PDB file of N, CA and C in Angstrom:
ATOM      1  N   MET A   1      15.402 -25.627 -23.609  1.00  0.00           N
ATOM      2  CA  MET A   1      14.508 -24.523 -23.612  1.00  0.00           C
ATOM      3  C   MET A   1      15.438 -23.264 -23.573  1.00  0.00           C
ATOM      4  N   SER A   2      15.118 -22.303 -24.474  1.00  0.00           N
ATOM      5  CA  SER A   2      15.634 -21.057 -24.599  1.00  0.00           C
ATOM      6  C   SER A   2      15.809 -20.139 -23.345  1.00  0.00           C
ATOM      7  N   ALA A   3      16.778 -19.312 -23.486  1.00  0.00           N
ATOM      8  CA  ALA A   3      16.960 -18.334 -22.331  1.00  0.00           C
ATOM      9  C   ALA A   3      15.723 -17.549 -22.029  1.00  0.00           C
ATOM     10  N   SER A   4      15.087 -16.962 -23.011  1.00  0.00           N
ATOM     11  CA  SER A   4      13.835 -16.220 -22.633  1.00  0.00           C
ATOM     12  C   SER A   4      12.775 -17.052 -22.207  1.00  0.00           C
ATOM     13  N   ALA A   5      12.671 -18.276 -22.572  1.00  0.00           N
ATOM     14  CA  ALA A   5      11.714 -19.083 -22.036  1.00  0.00           C
ATOM     15  C   ALA A   5      11.938 -19.190 -20.312  1.00  0.00           C
ATOM     16  N   LEU A   6      12.899 -19.452 -20.082  1.00  0.00           N
ATOM     17  CA  LEU A   6      13.448 -19.627 -18.624  1.00  0.00           C
ATOM     18  C   LEU A   6      13.371 -18.274 -18.038  1.00  0.00           C
ATOM     19  N   ALA A   7      13.512 -17.169 -18.575  1.00  0.00           N
ATOM     20  CA  ALA A   7      13.139 -15.897 -17.837  1.00  0.00           C
ATOM     21  C   ALA A   7      11.738 -15.790 -17.579  1.00  0.00           C
ATOM     22  N   ALA A   8      10.876 -16.055 -18.508  1.00  0.00           N
ATOM     23  CA  ALA A   8       9.445 -15.872 -18.641  1.00  0.00           C
ATOM     24  C   ALA A   8       9.008 -16.488 -17.303  1.00  0.00           C
ATOM     25  N   GLU A   9       9.350 -17.981 -17.202  1.00  0.00           N
ATOM     26  CA  GLU A   9       9.083 -18.899 -16.244  1.00  0.00           C
ATOM     27  C   GLU A   9       9.283 -18.164 -14.751  1.00  0.00           C
ATOM     28  N   LYS A  10      10.553 -17.632 -14.861  1.00  0.00           N
ATOM     29  CA  LYS A  10      10.978 -17.082 -13.350  1.00  0.00           C
ATOM     30  C   LYS A  10       9.986 -15.830 -12.963  1.00  0.00           C
ATOM     31  N   LYS A  11       9.586 -14.994 -13.947  1.00  0.00           N
ATOM     32  CA  LYS A  11       9.132 -13.805 -13.598  1.00  0.00           C
ATOM     33  C   LYS A  11       7.724 -14.102 -13.230  1.00  0.00           C
ATOM     34  N   GLU A  12       6.951 -15.370 -13.709  1.00  0.00           N
ATOM     35  CA  GLU A  12       5.619 -15.583 -13.262  1.00  0.00           C
ATOM     36  C   GLU A  12       5.607 -15.794 -11.976  1.00  0.00           C
ATOM     37  N   LEU A  13       4.868 -14.920 -11.199  1.00  0.00           N
ATOM     38  CA  LEU A  13       4.488 -15.110  -9.666  1.00  0.00           C
ATOM     39  C   LEU A  13       3.240 -15.946  -9.440  1.00  0.00           C
ATOM     40  N   THR A  14       3.637 -16.781  -8.222  1.00  0.00           N
ATOM     41  CA  THR A  14       2.399 -17.812  -7.794  1.00  0.00           C
ATOM     42  C   THR A  14       1.358 -16.650  -7.263  1.00  0.00           C
ATOM     43  N   PRO A  15       0.101 -17.035  -6.890  1.00  0.00           N
ATOM     44  CA  PRO A  15      -0.723 -16.308  -6.392  1.00  0.00           C
ATOM     45  C   PRO A  15      -0.225 -15.784  -4.944  1.00  0.00           C
ATOM     46  N   GLN A  16       0.244 -16.802  -4.128  1.00  0.00           N
ATOM     47  CA  GLN A  16       0.935 -16.308  -2.855  1.00  0.00           C
ATOM     48  C   GLN A  16       1.866 -15.029  -2.901  1.00  0.00           C
ATOM     49  N   GLN A  17       2.820 -15.336  -3.963  1.00  0.00           N
ATOM     50  CA  GLN A  17       3.899 -14.326  -4.035  1.00  0.00           C
ATOM     51  C   GLN A  17       3.235 -12.838  -4.585  1.00  0.00           C
ATOM     52  N   GLN A  18       2.206 -13.116  -5.473  1.00  0.00           N
ATOM     53  CA  GLN A  18       1.515 -11.713  -5.861  1.00  0.00           C
ATOM     54  C   GLN A  18       0.799 -11.287  -4.586  1.00  0.00           C
ATOM     55  N   ARG A  19       0.110 -11.933  -3.808  1.00  0.00           N
ATOM     56  CA  ARG A  19      -0.376 -11.345  -2.741  1.00  0.00           C
ATOM     57  C   ARG A  19       0.512 -10.765  -1.731  1.00  0.00           C
ATOM     58  N   MET A  20       1.695 -11.494  -1.542  1.00  0.00           N
ATOM     59  CA  MET A  20       2.800 -10.920  -0.893  1.00  0.00           C
ATOM     60  C   MET A  20       3.315  -9.449  -1.230  1.00  0.00           C
ATOM     61  N   SER A  21       3.427  -9.280  -2.649  1.00  0.00           N
ATOM     62  CA  SER A  21       3.801  -8.103  -3.263  1.00  0.00           C
ATOM     63  C   SER A  21       2.749  -7.049  -3.040  1.00  0.00           C
ATOM     64  N   GLU A  22       1.517  -7.397  -3.307  1.00  0.00           N
ATOM     65  CA  GLU A  22       0.634  -6.348  -2.895  1.00  0.00           C
ATOM     66  C   GLU A  22       0.482  -5.910  -1.499  1.00  0.00           C
ATOM     67  N   CYS A  23       0.484  -6.888  -0.650  1.00  0.00           N
ATOM     68  CA  CYS A  23       0.690  -6.422   0.759  1.00  0.00           C
ATOM     69  C   CYS A  23       1.894  -5.545   1.064  1.00  0.00           C
ATOM     70  N   ASN A  24       2.788  -6.111   0.598  1.00  0.00           N
ATOM     71  CA  ASN A  24       4.260  -5.271   0.893  1.00  0.00           C
ATOM     72  C   ASN A  24       3.900  -3.722   0.404  1.00  0.00           C
ATOM     73  N   LYS A  25       3.454  -3.529  -0.722  1.00  0.00           N
ATOM     74  CA  LYS A  25       3.184  -2.261  -0.939  1.00  0.00           C
ATOM     75  C   LYS A  25       2.218  -1.359  -0.286  1.00  0.00           C
ATOM     76  N   GLN A  26       1.138  -2.120   0.361  1.00  0.00           N
ATOM     77  CA  GLN A  26       0.148  -1.462   0.976  1.00  0.00           C
ATOM     78  C   GLN A  26       0.860  -1.112   2.447  1.00  0.00           C
ATOM     79  N   ALA A  27       1.875  -1.984   2.976  1.00  0.00           N
ATOM     80  CA  ALA A  27       2.309  -1.885   4.317  1.00  0.00           C
ATOM     81  C   ALA A  27       3.297  -0.869   4.327  1.00  0.00           C
ATOM     82  N   GLU A  28       3.854   0.176   3.128  1.00  0.00           N
ATOM     83  CA  GLU A  28       4.856   1.135   3.327  1.00  0.00           C
ATOM     84  C   GLU A  28       4.614   2.011   4.390  1.00  0.00           C
ATOM     85  N   GLY A  29       5.527   2.488   5.061  1.00  0.00           N
ATOM     86  CA  GLY A  29       5.312   3.300   6.091  1.00  0.00           C
ATOM     87  C   GLY A  29       5.143   2.616   7.625  1.00  0.00           C
ATOM     88  N   LYS A  30       4.570   1.345   7.510  1.00  0.00           N
ATOM     89  CA  LYS A  30       4.537   0.649   8.690  1.00  0.00           C
ATOM     90  C   LYS A  30       5.703   0.083   9.274  1.00  0.00           C
ATOM     91  N   LYS A  31       6.041   0.014  10.613  1.00  0.00           N
ATOM     92  CA  LYS A  31       7.184  -0.517  11.093  1.00  0.00           C
ATOM     93  C   LYS A  31       6.852  -1.453  12.181  1.00  0.00           C
ATOM     94  N   GLY A  32       7.536  -2.166  12.654  1.00  0.00           N
ATOM     95  CA  GLY A  32       7.437  -3.124  13.837  1.00  0.00           C
ATOM     96  C   GLY A  32       6.263  -4.171  13.893  1.00  0.00           C
ATOM     97  N   ASP A  33       5.693  -3.969  15.102  1.00  0.00           N
ATOM     98  CA  ASP A  33       4.462  -4.736  15.271  1.00  0.00           C
ATOM     99  C   ASP A  33       3.326  -4.462  14.599  1.00  0.00           C
ATOM    100  N   GLU A  34       3.089  -3.253  14.135  1.00  0.00           N
ATOM    101  CA  GLU A  34       1.899  -2.724  13.407  1.00  0.00           C
ATOM    102  C   GLU A  34       2.212  -3.295  11.887  1.00  0.00           C
ATOM    103  N   ARG A  35       3.481  -3.496  11.294  1.00  0.00           N
ATOM    104  CA  ARG A  35       3.771  -3.879   9.986  1.00  0.00           C
ATOM    105  C   ARG A  35       3.339  -5.638  10.305  1.00  0.00           C
ATOM    106  N   LYS A  36       3.848  -6.196  11.412  1.00  0.00           N
ATOM    107  CA  LYS A  36       3.725  -7.656  11.317  1.00  0.00           C
ATOM    108  C   LYS A  36       2.134  -7.942  11.261  1.00  0.00           C
ATOM    109  N   THR A  37       1.406  -7.206  12.235  1.00  0.00           N
ATOM    110  CA  THR A  37       0.161  -7.570  12.079  1.00  0.00           C
ATOM    111  C   THR A  37      -0.763  -7.238  10.929  1.00  0.00           C
ATOM    112  N   PHE A  38      -0.387  -6.008  10.286  1.00  0.00           N
ATOM    113  CA  PHE A  38      -0.928  -5.816   8.934  1.00  0.00           C
ATOM    114  C   PHE A  38      -0.748  -6.988   7.979  1.00  0.00           C
ATOM    115  N   MET A  39       0.548  -7.268   7.834  1.00  0.00           N
ATOM    116  CA  MET A  39       1.158  -8.276   6.903  1.00  0.00           C
ATOM    117  C   MET A  39       0.253  -9.532   7.102  1.00  0.00           C
ATOM    118  N   SER A  40       0.241  -9.927   8.414  1.00  0.00           N
ATOM    119  CA  SER A  40      -0.431 -11.112   8.846  1.00  0.00           C
ATOM    120  C   SER A  40      -1.667 -10.979   8.300  1.00  0.00           C
ATOM    121  N   THR A  41      -2.575  -9.958   8.472  1.00  0.00           N
ATOM    122  CA  THR A  41      -3.938  -9.950   8.183  1.00  0.00           C
ATOM    123  C   THR A  41      -4.185 -10.035   6.692  1.00  0.00           C
ATOM    124  N   CYS A  42      -3.129  -9.118   6.133  1.00  0.00           N
ATOM    125  CA  CYS A  42      -3.255  -9.121   4.482  1.00  0.00           C
ATOM    126  C   CYS A  42      -2.943 -10.322   3.929  1.00  0.00           C
ATOM    127  N   LEU A  43      -1.983 -11.132   4.505  1.00  0.00           N
ATOM    128  CA  LEU A  43      -1.696 -12.248   3.354  1.00  0.00           C
ATOM    129  C   LEU A  43      -2.827 -13.382   3.823  1.00  0.00           C
ATOM    130  N   LYS A  44      -3.490 -13.328   4.911  1.00  0.00           N
ATOM    131  CA  LYS A  44      -4.705 -14.125   5.096  1.00  0.00           C
ATOM    132  C   LYS A  44      -5.892 -13.601   4.248  1.00  0.00           C
ATOM    133  N   GLY A  45      -5.942 -12.586   3.591  1.00  0.00           N
ATOM    134  CA  GLY A  45      -7.052 -12.142   2.825  1.00  0.00           C
ATOM    135  C   GLY A  45      -8.145 -11.508   3.544  1.00  0.00           C
ATOM    136  N   GLU A  46      -7.842 -11.161   4.819  1.00  0.00           N
ATOM    137  CA  GLU A  46      -8.840 -10.530   5.488  1.00  0.00           C
ATOM    138  C   GLU A  46      -8.500  -8.933   5.446  1.00  0.00           C
ATOM    139  N   SER A  47      -9.586  -8.373   5.617  1.00  0.00           N
ATOM    140  CA  SER A  47      -9.510  -6.921   5.506  1.00  0.00           C
ATOM    141  C   SER A  47      -9.076  -6.299   6.815  1.00  0.00           C
ATOM    142  N   ALA A  48      -8.053  -5.269   6.845  1.00  0.00           N
ATOM    143  CA  ALA A  48      -7.805  -4.925   8.111  1.00  0.00           C
ATOM    144  C   ALA A  48      -8.741  -3.763   8.750  1.00  0.00           C
ATOM    145  N   LYS A  49      -8.583  -3.959   9.971  1.00  0.00           N
ATOM    146  CA  LYS A  49      -9.591  -2.961  10.636  1.00  0.00           C
ATOM    147  C   LYS A  49      -9.487  -1.523  10.151  1.00  0.00           C
ATOM    148  N   PRO A  50     -10.457  -0.835  10.155  1.00  0.00           N
ATOM    149  CA  PRO A  50     -10.503   0.633   9.647  1.00  0.00           C
ATOM    150  C   PRO A  50      -9.366   1.641  10.420  1.00  0.00           C
ATOM    151  N   MET A  51      -8.708   2.203   9.657  1.00  0.00           N
ATOM    152  CA  MET A  51      -7.987   3.266  10.025  1.00  0.00           C
ATOM    153  C   MET A  51      -8.616   4.236  11.116  1.00  0.00           C
ATOM    154  N   THR A  52      -7.839   4.825  12.318  1.00  0.00           N
ATOM    155  CA  THR A  52      -8.332   5.810  12.904  1.00  0.00           C
ATOM    156  C   THR A  52      -8.234   7.193  12.369  1.00  0.00           C
ATOM    157  N   GLN A  53      -8.670   8.298  12.742  1.00  0.00           N
ATOM    158  CA  GLN A  53      -8.533   9.535  12.042  1.00  0.00           C
ATOM    159  C   GLN A  53      -7.043   9.740  12.115  1.00  0.00           C
ATOM    160  N   GLN A  54      -6.282   9.629  13.288  1.00  0.00           N
ATOM    161  CA  GLN A  54      -4.909   9.996  13.603  1.00  0.00           C
ATOM    162  C   GLN A  54      -4.037   9.152  12.548  1.00  0.00           C
ATOM    163  N   GLU A  55      -4.402   7.840  12.417  1.00  0.00           N
ATOM    164  CA  GLU A  55      -3.686   6.972  11.357  1.00  0.00           C
ATOM    165  C   GLU A  55      -3.692   7.312  10.033  1.00  0.00           C
ATOM    166  N   LYS A  56      -4.931   7.595   9.805  1.00  0.00           N
ATOM    167  CA  LYS A  56      -5.104   8.343   8.331  1.00  0.00           C
ATOM    168  C   LYS A  56      -4.390   9.564   8.189  1.00  0.00           C
ATOM    169  N   MET A  57      -4.376  10.471   9.227  1.00  0.00           N
ATOM    170  CA  MET A  57      -3.626  11.538   9.187  1.00  0.00           C
ATOM    171  C   MET A  57      -2.124  11.533   8.688  1.00  0.00           C
ATOM    172  N   LYS A  58      -1.638  10.418   9.479  1.00  0.00           N
ATOM    173  CA  LYS A  58      -0.092  10.024   9.599  1.00  0.00           C
ATOM    174  C   LYS A  58       0.091   9.425   8.007  1.00  0.00           C
ATOM    175  N   ALA A  59      -0.791   8.526   7.581  1.00  0.00           N
ATOM    176  CA  ALA A  59      -0.643   8.109   6.435  1.00  0.00           C
ATOM    177  C   ALA A  59      -0.595   9.042   5.097  1.00  0.00           C
ATOM    178  N   CYS A  60      -1.560  10.070   5.260  1.00  0.00           N
ATOM    179  CA  CYS A  60      -1.863  10.923   4.285  1.00  0.00           C
ATOM    180  C   CYS A  60      -0.709  11.878   3.973  1.00  0.00           C
ATOM    181  N   ASN A  61      -0.195  12.060   5.282  1.00  0.00           N
ATOM    182  CA  ASN A  61       0.938  13.027   5.468  1.00  0.00           C
ATOM    183  C   ASN A  61       1.910  12.620   4.825  1.00  0.00           C
ATOM    184  N   THR A  62       2.460  11.353   4.763  1.00  0.00           N
ATOM    185  CA  THR A  62       3.532  10.434   4.435  1.00  0.00           C
ATOM    186  C   THR A  62       3.185  10.588   2.772  1.00  0.00           C
ATOM    187  N   GLU A  63       2.082  10.132   2.367  1.00  0.00           N
ATOM    188  CA  GLU A  63       1.834  10.257   0.850  1.00  0.00           C
ATOM    189  C   GLU A  63       1.988  11.647   0.414  1.00  0.00           C
ATOM    190  N   ALA A  64       1.734  12.736   0.936  1.00  0.00           N
ATOM    191  CA  ALA A  64       1.788  14.167   0.528  1.00  0.00           C
ATOM    192  C   ALA A  64       3.244  14.714   0.436  1.00  0.00           C
ATOM    193  N   ALA A  65       4.010  13.946   0.779  1.00  0.00           N
ATOM    194  CA  ALA A  65       5.476  14.453   1.020  1.00  0.00           C
ATOM    195  C   ALA A  65       5.769  14.971  -0.538  1.00  0.00           C
ATOM    196  N   GLY A  66       6.445  16.229  -0.642  1.00  0.00           N
ATOM    197  CA  GLY A  66       6.621  16.863  -1.827  1.00  0.00           C
ATOM    198  C   GLY A  66       5.738  17.690  -2.521  1.00  0.00           C
ATOM    199  N   LYS A  67       4.397  17.499  -1.849  1.00  0.00           N
ATOM    200  CA  LYS A  67       3.412  18.445  -2.469  1.00  0.00           C
ATOM    201  C   LYS A  67       3.229  19.624  -1.897  1.00  0.00           C
ATOM    202  N   LYS A  68       2.963  20.596  -2.505  1.00  0.00           N
ATOM    203  CA  LYS A  68       2.871  21.994  -1.478  1.00  0.00           C
ATOM    204  C   LYS A  68       1.466  22.820  -2.088  1.00  0.00           C
ATOM    205  N   GLY A  69       1.211  23.820  -1.231  1.00  0.00           N
ATOM    206  CA  GLY A  69       0.023  24.538  -1.697  1.00  0.00           C
ATOM    207  C   GLY A  69      -1.218  23.991  -1.985  1.00  0.00           C
ATOM    208  N   ASP A  70      -1.870  24.475  -2.782  1.00  0.00           N
ATOM    209  CA  ASP A  70      -3.136  23.917  -3.255  1.00  0.00           C
ATOM    210  C   ASP A  70      -3.239  22.345  -3.750  1.00  0.00           C
ATOM    211  N   GLU A  71      -1.972  21.963  -4.409  1.00  0.00           N
ATOM    212  CA  GLU A  71      -2.074  20.559  -4.560  1.00  0.00           C
ATOM    213  C   GLU A  71      -2.044  19.911  -3.103  1.00  0.00           C
ATOM    214  N   ARG A  72      -1.289  20.177  -2.195  1.00  0.00           N
ATOM    215  CA  ARG A  72      -1.208  19.408  -0.881  1.00  0.00           C
ATOM    216  C   ARG A  72      -2.777  19.377  -0.363  1.00  0.00           C
ATOM    217  N   LYS A  73      -3.287  20.574  -0.172  1.00  0.00           N
ATOM    218  CA  LYS A  73      -4.361  20.841   0.360  1.00  0.00           C
ATOM    219  C   LYS A  73      -5.692  19.879  -0.269  1.00  0.00           C
ATOM    220  N   ALA A  74      -5.517  19.754  -1.679  1.00  0.00           N
ATOM    221  CA  ALA A  74      -6.659  18.989  -2.290  1.00  0.00           C
ATOM    222  C   ALA A  74      -6.169  17.578  -1.953  1.00  0.00           C
ATOM    223  N   PHE A  75      -4.982  17.234  -2.217  1.00  0.00           N
ATOM    224  CA  PHE A  75      -4.676  15.551  -1.861  1.00  0.00           C
ATOM    225  C   PHE A  75      -5.183  15.426  -0.491  1.00  0.00           C
ATOM    226  N   MET A  76      -4.775  16.093   0.639  1.00  0.00           N
ATOM    227  CA  MET A  76      -5.035  15.941   2.028  1.00  0.00           C
ATOM    228  C   MET A  76      -6.601  15.454   1.985  1.00  0.00           C
ATOM    229  N   SER A  77      -7.349  16.643   1.671  1.00  0.00           N
ATOM    230  CA  SER A  77      -8.827  16.620   1.745  1.00  0.00           C
ATOM    231  C   SER A  77      -9.249  15.459   1.247  1.00  0.00           C
ATOM    232  N   THR A  78      -9.115  15.006   0.010  1.00  0.00           N
ATOM    233  CA  THR A  78      -9.299  13.758  -0.516  1.00  0.00           C
ATOM    234  C   THR A  78      -8.740  12.449   0.180  1.00  0.00           C
ATOM    235  N   CYS A  79      -7.678  12.229   0.700  1.00  0.00           N
ATOM    236  CA  CYS A  79      -7.064  11.267   1.197  1.00  0.00           C
ATOM    237  C   CYS A  79      -7.862  11.241   2.523  1.00  0.00           C
ATOM    238  N   LEU A  80      -8.092  12.214   3.458  1.00  0.00           N
ATOM    239  CA  LEU A  80      -8.684  12.094   4.906  1.00  0.00           C
ATOM    240  C   LEU A  80     -10.069  12.036   4.517  1.00  0.00           C
ATOM    241  N   LYS A  81     -10.709  11.999   3.628  1.00  0.00           N
ATOM    242  CA  LYS A  81     -12.090  11.672   3.354  1.00  0.00           C
ATOM    243  C   LYS A  81     -12.351  10.171   3.141  1.00  0.00           C
ATOM    244  N   GLY A  82     -11.064   9.477   3.112  1.00  0.00           N
ATOM    245  CA  GLY A  82     -10.965   8.051   2.693  1.00  0.00           C
ATOM    246  C   GLY A  82     -11.375   7.584   1.319  1.00  0.00           C
ATOM    247  N   ASP A  83     -11.202   8.439   0.388  1.00  0.00           N
ATOM    248  CA  ASP A  83     -11.155   8.139  -1.164  1.00  0.00           C
ATOM    249  C   ASP A  83      -9.862   7.430  -1.268  1.00  0.00           C
ATOM    250  N   GLY A  84     -10.165   6.133  -1.086  1.00  0.00           N
ATOM    251  CA  GLY A  84      -8.816   5.088  -1.280  1.00  0.00           C
ATOM    252  C   GLY A  84      -8.239   5.041  -2.801  1.00  0.00           C
ATOM    253  N   ALA A  85      -9.121   5.341  -3.383  1.00  0.00           N
ATOM    254  CA  ALA A  85      -8.549   5.312  -5.170  1.00  0.00           C
ATOM    255  C   ALA A  85      -7.785   6.500  -5.355  1.00  0.00           C
ATOM    256  N   ALA A  86      -8.101   7.723  -4.929  1.00  0.00           N
ATOM    257  CA  ALA A  86      -7.226   8.802  -5.011  1.00  0.00           C
ATOM    258  C   ALA A  86      -6.009   8.733  -4.234  1.00  0.00           C
ATOM    259  N   ALA A  87      -6.171   8.489  -3.025  1.00  0.00           N
ATOM    260  CA  ALA A  87      -4.871   8.216  -2.303  1.00  0.00           C
ATOM    261  C   ALA A  87      -3.904   7.033  -2.719  1.00  0.00           C
ATOM    262  N   ALA A  88      -4.347   5.946  -3.377  1.00  0.00           N
ATOM    263  CA  ALA A  88      -3.685   4.956  -3.991  1.00  0.00           C
ATOM    264  C   ALA A  88      -2.796   5.617  -5.171  1.00  0.00           C
ATOM    265  N   GLN A  89      -3.290   6.332  -5.995  1.00  0.00           N
ATOM    266  CA  GLN A  89      -2.618   6.913  -7.065  1.00  0.00           C
ATOM    267  C   GLN A  89      -1.441   7.917  -6.887  1.00  0.00           C
ATOM    268  N   HIS A  90      -1.493   8.341  -5.472  1.00  0.00           N
ATOM    269  CA  HIS A  90      -0.429   9.403  -5.489  1.00  0.00           C
ATOM    270  C   HIS A  90       0.726   8.732  -4.512  1.00  0.00           C
TER     271      HIS A  90
END
């Protein structure tokens, strides 16, 4: 087998590895028990309970780091409304 064929095999992730990678990305900013609970739920394929307004504010604030003025205002408005697609892009 050629070296490139071996490398291609190693890079292909199993469905569980793909799920782990996605859940890990979504868990950014969570720590301790909150992260453990989220990861457990995510890896089982269950949807997590909806965020409280306070949790949304904290998550949106973290994602808005580096944004200023009107850009930040627009981002926070969209993020807090729960537009997951817009929040995920930032």
